[in-house]
Protein backbone atom coordinates (compact mmCIF):
# COMPACT_ATOMS: atom_id res chain seq x y z
CA LEU A 1 27.78 -1.82 -17.01
CA LEU A 2 24.91 0.35 -15.77
CA ASN A 3 23.49 0.52 -19.28
CA GLN A 4 23.93 -3.29 -19.83
CA THR A 5 21.98 -3.55 -16.32
CA SER A 6 19.15 -1.11 -17.61
CA ASN A 7 18.71 -2.88 -20.57
CA GLN A 8 18.17 -5.85 -18.78
CA ASP A 9 15.46 -4.14 -16.52
CA LYS A 10 13.65 -2.81 -19.90
CA LEU A 11 13.36 -6.95 -20.69
CA LEU A 12 12.08 -7.59 -17.54
CA VAL A 13 8.24 -7.81 -18.01
CA THR A 14 5.61 -10.05 -15.93
CA THR A 15 4.04 -12.81 -17.89
CA ARG A 16 1.06 -13.07 -15.98
CA THR A 17 -0.64 -9.89 -18.20
CA ASN A 18 -1.07 -9.48 -21.89
CA HIS A 19 0.44 -5.61 -21.62
CA LEU A 20 4.13 -7.05 -21.81
CA THR A 21 5.06 -4.18 -24.00
CA ASP A 22 3.52 -1.58 -22.19
CA TYR A 23 4.91 -3.06 -18.84
CA ALA A 24 8.68 -2.96 -20.66
CA VAL A 25 7.80 0.64 -20.98
CA PHE A 26 6.32 1.10 -17.33
CA ALA A 27 8.99 -0.73 -15.90
CA ASP A 28 11.69 1.90 -16.64
CA SER A 29 10.34 4.57 -15.38
CA LYS A 30 7.98 3.76 -12.57
CA GLY A 31 8.99 1.35 -9.28
CA LYS A 32 7.79 -2.03 -8.50
CA ILE A 33 4.91 -0.74 -6.40
CA ALA A 34 3.76 1.46 -9.22
CA LEU A 35 3.67 -1.59 -11.57
CA ILE A 36 1.79 -3.51 -9.39
CA LEU A 37 -0.45 -0.37 -8.82
CA ASP A 38 -1.18 0.17 -12.16
CA ASN A 39 -2.65 -3.01 -13.21
CA LYS A 40 -6.29 -3.04 -12.75
CA LEU A 41 -6.71 -6.39 -11.82
CA ASN A 42 -3.91 -6.37 -9.37
CA LEU A 43 -5.52 -3.01 -7.61
CA VAL A 44 -8.94 -4.89 -7.30
CA LEU A 45 -7.40 -7.99 -5.53
CA LEU A 46 -5.29 -6.00 -3.16
CA LEU A 47 -8.15 -3.77 -2.05
CA SER A 48 -10.43 -6.52 -1.69
CA THR A 49 -7.88 -8.37 0.46
CA VAL A 50 -7.37 -5.41 2.49
CA PHE A 51 -10.86 -5.22 2.86
CA LEU A 52 -11.63 -8.59 3.87
CA VAL A 53 -8.44 -8.85 6.28
CA SER A 54 -10.00 -5.61 8.04
CA SER A 55 -13.24 -6.73 8.29
CA PHE A 56 -12.31 -10.02 9.25
CA LEU A 57 -10.63 -8.80 12.28
CA THR A 58 -13.20 -6.06 12.91
CA LEU A 59 -15.66 -9.14 13.59
CA LEU A 60 -12.94 -10.83 15.65
CA MET A 61 -12.61 -8.23 17.63
CA TYR A 62 -16.15 -7.41 18.20
CA PHE A 63 -16.52 -11.16 19.01
CA ARG A 64 -13.78 -10.86 22.15
CA LYS A 65 -15.11 -8.18 23.17
CA ARG A 66 -18.87 -9.59 23.82
CA LYS A 67 -16.97 -12.61 24.85
CA HIS A 68 -18.56 -14.87 22.47
CA ILE A 69 -15.53 -16.97 21.35
CA ILE A 70 -16.26 -18.07 17.61
């Protein structure tokens, strides 16, 4: 049963990328977080989202401190 589930895990690949064979190999040796971070586009999107959210929150805190409610 364990062998069967590990074979199924190798077949589970993300369909959003063209690197399906690479991801089938990566998914066996790495975790799901490493799999997401392996994709350069996902990494760029993640970093830009974190940057945008943090800058928005910083601006929000700044304006609230100065009592200028947006």
